[in-house]
PDB file of N, CA and C in Angstrom:
ATOM      1  N   MET A   1     -26.945  -1.782  12.302  1.00  0.00           N
ATOM      2  CA  MET A   1     -26.736  -0.909  10.955  1.00  0.00           C
ATOM      3  C   MET A   1     -25.278  -1.526  10.518  1.00  0.00           C
ATOM      4  N   LEU A   2     -24.314  -1.601  11.221  1.00  0.00           N
ATOM      5  CA  LEU A   2     -23.047  -2.292  10.631  1.00  0.00           C
ATOM      6  C   LEU A   2     -23.175  -3.717  10.198  1.00  0.00           C
ATOM      7  N   GLU A   3     -23.849  -4.563  10.994  1.00  0.00           N
ATOM      8  CA  GLU A   3     -23.954  -5.950  10.702  1.00  0.00           C
ATOM      9  C   GLU A   3     -24.982  -6.181   9.358  1.00  0.00           C
ATOM     10  N   ALA A   4     -25.596  -5.299   9.067  1.00  0.00           N
ATOM     11  CA  ALA A   4     -26.701  -5.254   7.904  1.00  0.00           C
ATOM     12  C   ALA A   4     -25.798  -4.797   6.576  1.00  0.00           C
ATOM     13  N   GLY A   5     -24.506  -4.268   6.817  1.00  0.00           N
ATOM     14  CA  GLY A   5     -23.742  -3.770   5.687  1.00  0.00           C
ATOM     15  C   GLY A   5     -24.166  -2.324   5.163  1.00  0.00           C
ATOM     16  N   ALA A   6     -24.896  -1.789   5.963  1.00  0.00           N
ATOM     17  CA  ALA A   6     -25.533  -0.356   5.659  1.00  0.00           C
ATOM     18  C   ALA A   6     -24.541   0.722   6.112  1.00  0.00           C
ATOM     19  N   ALA A   7     -24.712   1.999   5.834  1.00  0.00           N
ATOM     20  CA  ALA A   7     -23.827   2.987   5.951  1.00  0.00           C
ATOM     21  C   ALA A   7     -23.383   2.974   7.442  1.00  0.00           C
ATOM     22  N   SER A   8     -22.108   3.528   7.853  1.00  0.00           N
ATOM     23  CA  SER A   8     -21.728   3.713   9.126  1.00  0.00           C
ATOM     24  C   SER A   8     -22.369   4.675   9.878  1.00  0.00           C
ATOM     25  N   PRO A   9     -22.441   4.663  11.171  1.00  0.00           N
ATOM     26  CA  PRO A   9     -23.234   5.787  11.871  1.00  0.00           C
ATOM     27  C   PRO A   9     -22.659   7.191  11.467  1.00  0.00           C
ATOM     28  N   GLY A  10     -21.493   7.365  11.314  1.00  0.00           N
ATOM     29  CA  GLY A  10     -20.847   8.744  11.125  1.00  0.00           C
ATOM     30  C   GLY A  10     -20.982   9.219   9.753  1.00  0.00           C
ATOM     31  N   ASP A  11     -21.663   8.550   8.831  1.00  0.00           N
ATOM     32  CA  ASP A  11     -21.710   8.899   7.264  1.00  0.00           C
ATOM     33  C   ASP A  11     -22.374  10.082   7.043  1.00  0.00           C
ATOM     34  N   ASP A  12     -23.703  10.290   7.739  1.00  0.00           N
ATOM     35  CA  ASP A  12     -24.648  11.075   7.234  1.00  0.00           C
ATOM     36  C   ASP A  12     -24.262  12.588   7.692  1.00  0.00           C
ATOM     37  N   ALA A  13     -23.844  12.713   9.006  1.00  0.00           N
ATOM     38  CA  ALA A  13     -23.588  14.228   9.594  1.00  0.00           C
ATOM     39  C   ALA A  13     -22.529  14.821   8.757  1.00  0.00           C
ATOM     40  N   PRO A  14     -21.351  14.298   8.713  1.00  0.00           N
ATOM     41  CA  PRO A  14     -20.300  14.911   7.893  1.00  0.00           C
ATOM     42  C   PRO A  14     -20.788  15.145   6.313  1.00  0.00           C
ATOM     43  N   THR A  15     -21.567  14.341   5.658  1.00  0.00           N
ATOM     44  CA  THR A  15     -21.908  14.670   4.450  1.00  0.00           C
ATOM     45  C   THR A  15     -22.818  15.651   4.330  1.00  0.00           C
ATOM     46  N   GLU A  16     -23.888  15.873   5.274  1.00  0.00           N
ATOM     47  CA  GLU A  16     -24.696  17.106   5.274  1.00  0.00           C
ATOM     48  C   GLU A  16     -23.947  18.344   5.501  1.00  0.00           C
ATOM     49  N   MET A  17     -23.001  18.217   6.419  1.00  0.00           N
ATOM     50  CA  MET A  17     -22.249  19.454   6.692  1.00  0.00           C
ATOM     51  C   MET A  17     -21.513  19.973   5.472  1.00  0.00           C
ATOM     52  N   LEU A  18     -20.780  18.946   4.753  1.00  0.00           N
ATOM     53  CA  LEU A  18     -19.972  19.251   3.644  1.00  0.00           C
ATOM     54  C   LEU A  18     -20.779  19.816   2.475  1.00  0.00           C
ATOM     55  N   ASP A  19     -21.918  19.306   2.260  1.00  0.00           N
ATOM     56  CA  ASP A  19     -23.124  19.900   1.352  1.00  0.00           C
ATOM     57  C   ASP A  19     -23.135  21.339   1.527  1.00  0.00           C
ATOM     58  N   ARG A  20     -23.521  21.670   2.967  1.00  0.00           N
ATOM     59  CA  ARG A  20     -23.792  22.938   3.147  1.00  0.00           C
ATOM     60  C   ARG A  20     -22.490  24.041   2.938  1.00  0.00           C
ATOM     61  N   LEU A  21     -21.216  23.495   3.014  1.00  0.00           N
ATOM     62  CA  LEU A  21     -20.172  24.275   2.815  1.00  0.00           C
ATOM     63  C   LEU A  21     -19.871  24.629   1.315  1.00  0.00           C
ATOM     64  N   ASP A  22     -20.400  23.711   0.443  1.00  0.00           N
ATOM     65  CA  ASP A  22     -20.171  23.892  -0.906  1.00  0.00           C
ATOM     66  C   ASP A  22     -18.653  24.027  -1.261  1.00  0.00           C
ATOM     67  N   TRP A  23     -17.917  23.111  -0.883  1.00  0.00           N
ATOM     68  CA  TRP A  23     -16.602  22.927  -1.135  1.00  0.00           C
ATOM     69  C   TRP A  23     -16.407  21.781  -1.984  1.00  0.00           C
ATOM     70  N   ASN A  24     -16.456  22.054  -3.314  1.00  0.00           N
ATOM     71  CA  ASN A  24     -16.458  20.759  -4.336  1.00  0.00           C
ATOM     72  C   ASN A  24     -15.302  19.826  -4.077  1.00  0.00           C
ATOM     73  N   GLU A  25     -14.188  20.291  -3.934  1.00  0.00           N
ATOM     74  CA  GLU A  25     -13.044  19.310  -3.809  1.00  0.00           C
ATOM     75  C   GLU A  25     -13.161  18.590  -2.590  1.00  0.00           C
ATOM     76  N   VAL A  26     -13.408  19.191  -1.400  1.00  0.00           N
ATOM     77  CA  VAL A  26     -13.737  18.500  -0.258  1.00  0.00           C
ATOM     78  C   VAL A  26     -14.871  17.454  -0.294  1.00  0.00           C
ATOM     79  N   GLN A  27     -15.946  17.784  -0.909  1.00  0.00           N
ATOM     80  CA  GLN A  27     -17.056  16.965  -1.063  1.00  0.00           C
ATOM     81  C   GLN A  27     -16.628  15.775  -1.895  1.00  0.00           C
ATOM     82  N   ALA A  28     -15.970  15.995  -3.135  1.00  0.00           N
ATOM     83  CA  ALA A  28     -15.576  15.013  -3.747  1.00  0.00           C
ATOM     84  C   ALA A  28     -14.635  14.013  -3.067  1.00  0.00           C
ATOM     85  N   ALA A  29     -13.787  14.311  -2.234  1.00  0.00           N
ATOM     86  CA  ALA A  29     -12.996  13.517  -1.503  1.00  0.00           C
ATOM     87  C   ALA A  29     -13.840  12.910  -0.410  1.00  0.00           C
ATOM     88  N   TRP A  30     -14.605  13.501   0.307  1.00  0.00           N
ATOM     89  CA  TRP A  30     -15.480  12.617   1.184  1.00  0.00           C
ATOM     90  C   TRP A  30     -16.238  11.600   0.582  1.00  0.00           C
ATOM     91  N   ARG A  31     -16.876  11.725  -0.571  1.00  0.00           N
ATOM     92  CA  ARG A  31     -17.666  10.860  -1.409  1.00  0.00           C
ATOM     93  C   ARG A  31     -16.733   9.554  -1.678  1.00  0.00           C
ATOM     94  N   LYS A  32     -15.562   9.971  -2.145  1.00  0.00           N
ATOM     95  CA  LYS A  32     -14.666   8.938  -2.628  1.00  0.00           C
ATOM     96  C   LYS A  32     -14.311   8.046  -1.295  1.00  0.00           C
ATOM     97  N   ALA A  33     -14.008   8.638  -0.374  1.00  0.00           N
ATOM     98  CA  ALA A  33     -13.833   7.779   0.919  1.00  0.00           C
ATOM     99  C   ALA A  33     -14.925   6.990   1.425  1.00  0.00           C
ATOM    100  N   LEU A  34     -15.946   7.673   1.297  1.00  0.00           N
ATOM    101  CA  LEU A  34     -17.159   6.615   1.580  1.00  0.00           C
ATOM    102  C   LEU A  34     -17.411   5.516   0.598  1.00  0.00           C
ATOM    103  N   GLU A  35     -17.337   5.673  -0.732  1.00  0.00           N
ATOM    104  CA  GLU A  35     -17.439   4.749  -1.674  1.00  0.00           C
ATOM    105  C   GLU A  35     -16.409   3.542  -1.562  1.00  0.00           C
ATOM    106  N   ARG A  36     -15.101   3.983  -0.942  1.00  0.00           N
ATOM    107  CA  ARG A  36     -14.205   2.874  -0.888  1.00  0.00           C
ATOM    108  C   ARG A  36     -14.002   2.268   0.597  1.00  0.00           C
ATOM    109  N   LYS A  37     -14.783   2.644   1.533  1.00  0.00           N
ATOM    110  CA  LYS A  37     -14.583   2.050   2.841  1.00  0.00           C
ATOM    111  C   LYS A  37     -14.780   0.652   2.873  1.00  0.00           C
ATOM    112  N   SER A  38     -15.549   0.217   2.072  1.00  0.00           N
ATOM    113  CA  SER A  38     -15.945  -1.301   2.258  1.00  0.00           C
ATOM    114  C   SER A  38     -15.184  -2.116   1.462  1.00  0.00           C
ATOM    115  N   THR A  39     -14.786  -1.741   0.118  1.00  0.00           N
ATOM    116  CA  THR A  39     -14.090  -2.337  -1.015  1.00  0.00           C
ATOM    117  C   THR A  39     -12.674  -2.208  -1.030  1.00  0.00           C
ATOM    118  N   ASP A  40     -12.333  -1.067  -0.670  1.00  0.00           N
ATOM    119  CA  ASP A  40     -10.988  -0.707  -0.745  1.00  0.00           C
ATOM    120  C   ASP A  40     -10.432   0.335   0.552  1.00  0.00           C
ATOM    121  N   PRO A  41     -10.514  -0.409   1.681  1.00  0.00           N
ATOM    122  CA  PRO A  41     -10.045   0.539   2.931  1.00  0.00           C
ATOM    123  C   PRO A  41      -8.706   1.344   2.888  1.00  0.00           C
ATOM    124  N   ASP A  42      -7.691   0.802   2.016  1.00  0.00           N
ATOM    125  CA  ASP A  42      -6.521   1.788   1.999  1.00  0.00           C
ATOM    126  C   ASP A  42      -6.685   2.837   1.072  1.00  0.00           C
ATOM    127  N   GLY A  43      -7.615   2.663   0.112  1.00  0.00           N
ATOM    128  CA  GLY A  43      -8.186   3.752  -0.877  1.00  0.00           C
ATOM    129  C   GLY A  43      -8.852   4.790  -0.119  1.00  0.00           C
ATOM    130  N   ALA A  44      -9.790   4.149   0.868  1.00  0.00           N
ATOM    131  CA  ALA A  44     -10.668   5.086   1.714  1.00  0.00           C
ATOM    132  C   ALA A  44      -9.642   5.947   2.670  1.00  0.00           C
ATOM    133  N   ILE A  45      -8.711   5.330   3.138  1.00  0.00           N
ATOM    134  CA  ILE A  45      -7.864   6.219   4.023  1.00  0.00           C
ATOM    135  C   ILE A  45      -7.028   7.231   3.218  1.00  0.00           C
ATOM    136  N   THR A  46      -6.688   6.835   1.965  1.00  0.00           N
ATOM    137  CA  THR A  46      -5.819   7.752   1.132  1.00  0.00           C
ATOM    138  C   THR A  46      -6.957   8.880   0.726  1.00  0.00           C
ATOM    139  N   ALA A  47      -8.073   8.624   0.506  1.00  0.00           N
ATOM    140  CA  ALA A  47      -9.002   9.567   0.170  1.00  0.00           C
ATOM    141  C   ALA A  47      -9.371  10.667   1.530  1.00  0.00           C
ATOM    142  N   ALA A  48      -9.474   9.975   2.544  1.00  0.00           N
ATOM    143  CA  ALA A  48      -9.657  10.644   3.869  1.00  0.00           C
ATOM    144  C   ALA A  48      -8.544  11.585   4.087  1.00  0.00           C
ATOM    145  N   ARG A  49      -7.407  11.310   3.732  1.00  0.00           N
ATOM    146  CA  ARG A  49      -6.359  12.189   3.887  1.00  0.00           C
ATOM    147  C   ARG A  49      -6.308  13.273   2.997  1.00  0.00           C
ATOM    148  N   THR A  50      -6.660  12.919   1.731  1.00  0.00           N
ATOM    149  CA  THR A  50      -6.847  14.076   0.687  1.00  0.00           C
ATOM    150  C   THR A  50      -7.895  15.008   1.087  1.00  0.00           C
ATOM    151  N   LEU A  51      -8.876  14.373   1.888  1.00  0.00           N
ATOM    152  CA  LEU A  51     -10.007  15.365   2.382  1.00  0.00           C
ATOM    153  C   LEU A  51      -9.375  16.337   3.457  1.00  0.00           C
ATOM    154  N   LEU A  52      -8.709  15.782   4.239  1.00  0.00           N
ATOM    155  CA  LEU A  52      -8.046  16.547   5.411  1.00  0.00           C
ATOM    156  C   LEU A  52      -7.162  17.684   4.777  1.00  0.00           C
ATOM    157  N   GLU A  53      -6.349  17.187   3.753  1.00  0.00           N
ATOM    158  CA  GLU A  53      -5.498  18.267   3.013  1.00  0.00           C
ATOM    159  C   GLU A  53      -6.165  19.336   2.586  1.00  0.00           C
ATOM    160  N   SER A  54      -7.403  18.972   1.965  1.00  0.00           N
ATOM    161  CA  SER A  54      -8.275  20.058   1.183  1.00  0.00           C
ATOM    162  C   SER A  54      -8.766  20.927   2.230  1.00  0.00           C
ATOM    163  N   VAL A  55      -9.235  20.460   3.175  1.00  0.00           N
ATOM    164  CA  VAL A  55      -9.940  21.318   4.144  1.00  0.00           C
ATOM    165  C   VAL A  55      -8.947  22.305   4.694  1.00  0.00           C
ATOM    166  N   CYS A  56      -7.585  21.813   5.225  1.00  0.00           N
ATOM    167  CA  CYS A  56      -6.710  22.693   5.500  1.00  0.00           C
ATOM    168  C   CYS A  56      -6.186  23.715   4.561  1.00  0.00           C
ATOM    169  N   LYS A  57      -6.267  23.433   3.299  1.00  0.00           N
ATOM    170  CA  LYS A  57      -5.960  24.467   2.261  1.00  0.00           C
ATOM    171  C   LYS A  57      -7.002  25.537   2.267  1.00  0.00           C
ATOM    172  N   HIS A  58      -8.279  24.837   2.222  1.00  0.00           N
ATOM    173  CA  HIS A  58      -9.502  25.913   2.248  1.00  0.00           C
ATOM    174  C   HIS A  58      -9.409  26.955   3.363  1.00  0.00           C
ATOM    175  N   LEU A  59      -9.172  26.315   4.666  1.00  0.00           N
ATOM    176  CA  LEU A  59      -9.178  27.307   5.867  1.00  0.00           C
ATOM    177  C   LEU A  59      -7.875  28.183   5.602  1.00  0.00           C
ATOM    178  N   LEU A  60      -6.722  27.743   5.093  1.00  0.00           N
ATOM    179  CA  LEU A  60      -5.676  28.710   5.030  1.00  0.00           C
ATOM    180  C   LEU A  60      -5.840  29.552   3.887  1.00  0.00           C
ATOM    181  N   ASP A  61      -6.597  29.215   2.864  1.00  0.00           N
ATOM    182  CA  ASP A  61      -7.035  30.369   1.805  1.00  0.00           C
ATOM    183  C   ASP A  61      -7.812  31.205   2.463  1.00  0.00           C
ATOM    184  N   GLU A  62      -8.825  30.955   3.278  1.00  0.00           N
ATOM    185  CA  GLU A  62      -9.739  31.808   3.644  1.00  0.00           C
ATOM    186  C   GLU A  62      -8.953  32.770   4.770  1.00  0.00           C
ATOM    187  N   ALA A  63      -7.992  32.366   5.361  1.00  0.00           N
ATOM    188  CA  ALA A  63      -7.300  33.279   6.177  1.00  0.00           C
ATOM    189  C   ALA A  63      -6.161  33.747   5.471  1.00  0.00           C
ATOM    190  N   ASN A  64      -6.048  33.747   4.254  1.00  0.00           N
ATOM    191  CA  ASN A  64      -5.007  34.532   3.468  1.00  0.00           C
ATOM    192  C   ASN A  64      -3.495  34.066   3.933  1.00  0.00           C
ATOM    193  N   ALA A  65      -3.599  32.930   4.487  1.00  0.00           N
ATOM    194  CA  ALA A  65      -2.045  32.346   4.829  1.00  0.00           C
ATOM    195  C   ALA A  65      -1.484  31.693   3.815  1.00  0.00           C
ATOM    196  N   PRO A  66      -0.134  32.002   3.624  1.00  0.00           N
ATOM    197  CA  PRO A  66       0.630  31.507   2.615  1.00  0.00           C
ATOM    198  C   PRO A  66       1.041  30.051   3.093  1.00  0.00           C
ATOM    199  N   TYR A  67       1.140  29.031   2.037  1.00  0.00           N
ATOM    200  CA  TYR A  67       1.460  27.712   2.140  1.00  0.00           C
ATOM    201  C   TYR A  67       1.930  27.047   0.892  1.00  0.00           C
ATOM    202  N   ASP A  68       2.819  26.226   0.919  1.00  0.00           N
ATOM    203  CA  ASP A  68       3.267  25.395  -0.261  1.00  0.00           C
ATOM    204  C   ASP A  68       2.175  24.452  -0.757  1.00  0.00           C
ATOM    205  N   PRO A  69       1.681  24.634  -1.911  1.00  0.00           N
ATOM    206  CA  PRO A  69       0.515  23.624  -2.450  1.00  0.00           C
ATOM    207  C   PRO A  69       1.026  22.274  -2.440  1.00  0.00           C
ATOM    208  N   LYS A  70       2.182  21.931  -2.373  1.00  0.00           N
ATOM    209  CA  LYS A  70       2.649  20.663  -2.471  1.00  0.00           C
ATOM    210  C   LYS A  70       3.097  20.140  -1.102  1.00  0.00           C
ATOM    211  N   ALA A  71       2.701  21.029   0.013  1.00  0.00           N
ATOM    212  CA  ALA A  71       3.071  20.411   1.243  1.00  0.00           C
ATOM    213  C   ALA A  71       2.079  19.352   1.673  1.00  0.00           C
ATOM    214  N   ASP A  72       2.572  18.471   2.569  1.00  0.00           N
ATOM    215  CA  ASP A  72       1.914  17.276   3.174  1.00  0.00           C
ATOM    216  C   ASP A  72       0.988  17.617   4.259  1.00  0.00           C
ATOM    217  N   LEU A  73       0.185  16.579   4.578  1.00  0.00           N
ATOM    218  CA  LEU A  73      -0.682  16.862   5.741  1.00  0.00           C
ATOM    219  C   LEU A  73      -0.228  17.521   7.044  1.00  0.00           C
ATOM    220  N   PRO A  74       0.932  16.774   7.484  1.00  0.00           N
ATOM    221  CA  PRO A  74       1.404  17.179   8.767  1.00  0.00           C
ATOM    222  C   PRO A  74       1.832  18.954   8.702  1.00  0.00           C
ATOM    223  N   LYS A  75       2.513  19.201   7.576  1.00  0.00           N
ATOM    224  CA  LYS A  75       2.698  20.669   7.332  1.00  0.00           C
ATOM    225  C   LYS A  75       1.519  21.545   7.374  1.00  0.00           C
ATOM    226  N   LEU A  76       0.610  20.959   6.669  1.00  0.00           N
ATOM    227  CA  LEU A  76      -0.695  21.844   6.345  1.00  0.00           C
ATOM    228  C   LEU A  76      -1.388  21.960   7.846  1.00  0.00           C
ATOM    229  N   TYR A  77      -1.615  20.879   8.426  1.00  0.00           N
ATOM    230  CA  TYR A  77      -2.067  20.945   9.706  1.00  0.00           C
ATOM    231  C   TYR A  77      -1.537  21.859  10.648  1.00  0.00           C
ATOM    232  N   GLY A  78      -0.242  21.681  10.588  1.00  0.00           N
ATOM    233  CA  GLY A  78       0.526  22.648  11.683  1.00  0.00           C
ATOM    234  C   GLY A  78       0.411  23.971  11.237  1.00  0.00           C
ATOM    235  N   LEU A  79       0.292  24.448   9.890  1.00  0.00           N
ATOM    236  CA  LEU A  79      -0.007  25.943   9.517  1.00  0.00           C
ATOM    237  C   LEU A  79      -1.309  26.129   9.763  1.00  0.00           C
ATOM    238  N   THR A  80      -2.441  25.254   9.726  1.00  0.00           N
ATOM    239  CA  THR A  80      -3.664  25.687   9.868  1.00  0.00           C
ATOM    240  C   THR A  80      -4.040  25.772  11.378  1.00  0.00           C
ATOM    241  N   ALA A  81      -3.449  24.852  12.244  1.00  0.00           N
ATOM    242  CA  ALA A  81      -3.645  24.870  13.542  1.00  0.00           C
ATOM    243  C   ALA A  81      -2.956  26.253  14.367  1.00  0.00           C
ATOM    244  N   ASN A  82      -1.778  26.646  13.746  1.00  0.00           N
ATOM    245  CA  ASN A  82      -1.201  27.853  14.285  1.00  0.00           C
ATOM    246  C   ASN A  82      -1.613  29.207  13.728  1.00  0.00           C
ATOM    247  N   GLY A  83      -2.428  28.957  12.667  1.00  0.00           N
ATOM    248  CA  GLY A  83      -2.937  30.095  11.759  1.00  0.00           C
ATOM    249  C   GLY A  83      -3.424  31.297  12.404  1.00  0.00           C
TER     250      GLY A  83
END
């Protein structure tokens, strides 16, 4: 699969899960990461980081937990993990 330049083995399951969640911002970040992984690996990493930040913010919102919208990933993750 990888040698043929096709999708990576982990592409489908997260995509299907995110489609069911209906979180538009999270889905957009995931698609951007997938699109960039072959042509712009640094951009794919940035998009994946944005994805993780969006997931943390959504989880914090669902828990009605306060957070700074400008917080970086380590801070958001810490708040989410301790939530």
